[in-house]
């Protein structure tokens, strides 16, 4: 089953967490800096943990260089 979600990323945060917003989107806070894809890599890892799936089943399909991203989850 595939699912597409919208996320908003806060890179360089003090604490890391994934929280669902009222509109069904997610806010993802990561410690990693937004350079060289480090924050995106950490976003994929956190989403995989949150949805109990492997990192290979999580893909950023749009917004790789922006705070707001669209992610495809293959659950």
Protein backbone atom coordinates (compact mmCIF):
# COMPACT_ATOMS: atom_id res chain seq x y z
CA UNK A 1 0.00 0.00 0.00
CA UNK A 2 1.42 3.38 -0.98
CA UNK A 3 0.67 6.64 0.76
CA UNK A 4 1.64 10.19 -0.17
CA UNK A 5 2.12 12.66 2.68
CA UNK A 6 3.04 16.33 2.91
CA UNK A 7 5.71 17.27 5.42
CA UNK A 8 7.34 20.45 6.70
CA UNK A 9 10.93 20.08 7.83
CA UNK A 10 12.77 22.01 10.51
CA UNK A 11 16.48 21.28 10.06
CA UNK A 12 19.01 21.98 12.79
CA UNK A 13 16.44 21.47 15.57
CA UNK A 14 17.48 20.67 19.13
CA UNK A 15 15.25 17.60 19.35
CA UNK A 16 14.19 15.18 16.63
CA UNK A 17 10.57 14.16 16.24
CA UNK A 18 7.74 13.52 13.84
CA UNK A 19 4.35 14.99 14.68
CA UNK A 20 1.06 14.82 12.80
CA UNK A 21 -0.73 18.10 12.30
CA UNK A 22 -4.51 18.64 12.36
CA UNK A 23 -4.71 18.84 8.55
CA UNK A 24 -3.08 15.41 8.11
CA UNK A 25 0.35 16.73 7.19
CA UNK A 26 3.45 16.08 9.30
CA UNK A 27 6.07 18.29 10.90
CA UNK A 28 9.50 16.68 11.04
CA UNK A 29 12.29 18.13 13.19
CA UNK A 30 15.83 16.91 12.57
CA UNK A 31 19.22 17.73 14.13
CA UNK A 32 21.04 17.49 10.80
CA UNK A 33 21.97 20.69 8.96
CA UNK A 34 20.29 21.49 5.63
CA UNK A 35 23.44 20.95 3.56
CA UNK A 36 24.59 18.20 1.20
CA UNK A 37 21.33 16.29 1.67
CA UNK A 38 22.05 15.50 5.33
CA UNK A 39 18.68 16.78 6.58
CA UNK A 40 16.79 14.89 3.85
CA UNK A 41 18.63 11.68 4.72
CA UNK A 42 17.68 12.09 8.38
CA UNK A 43 14.06 12.88 7.42
CA UNK A 44 13.86 9.58 5.54
CA UNK A 45 15.32 7.72 8.54
CA UNK A 46 12.87 9.31 11.01
CA UNK A 47 9.85 8.70 8.79
CA UNK A 48 10.89 5.06 8.31
CA UNK A 49 11.08 4.65 12.10
CA UNK A 50 7.77 6.47 12.64
CA UNK A 51 5.86 4.37 10.09
CA UNK A 52 7.69 1.11 11.01
CA UNK A 53 9.10 0.48 7.55
CA UNK A 54 12.53 0.40 5.93
CA UNK A 55 14.35 3.48 4.62
CA UNK A 56 14.16 2.03 1.10
CA UNK A 57 10.37 2.36 1.25
CA UNK A 58 10.44 6.12 1.95
CA UNK A 59 11.12 8.52 -0.92
CA UNK A 60 11.05 12.31 -1.17
CA UNK A 61 9.26 12.85 -4.49
CA UNK A 62 9.21 16.65 -4.53
CA UNK A 63 10.65 19.56 -2.59
CA UNK A 64 14.09 18.10 -1.94
CA UNK A 65 15.61 21.59 -1.59
CA UNK A 66 12.63 23.16 0.21
CA UNK A 67 11.20 22.96 3.72
CA UNK A 68 7.88 21.64 2.43
CA UNK A 69 8.17 18.24 0.81
CA UNK A 70 6.00 15.50 -0.64
CA UNK A 71 6.95 12.01 0.47
CA UNK A 72 5.92 8.62 -0.90
CA UNK A 73 5.61 5.84 1.68
CA UNK A 74 5.43 2.24 0.49
CA UNK A 75 3.93 0.53 3.54
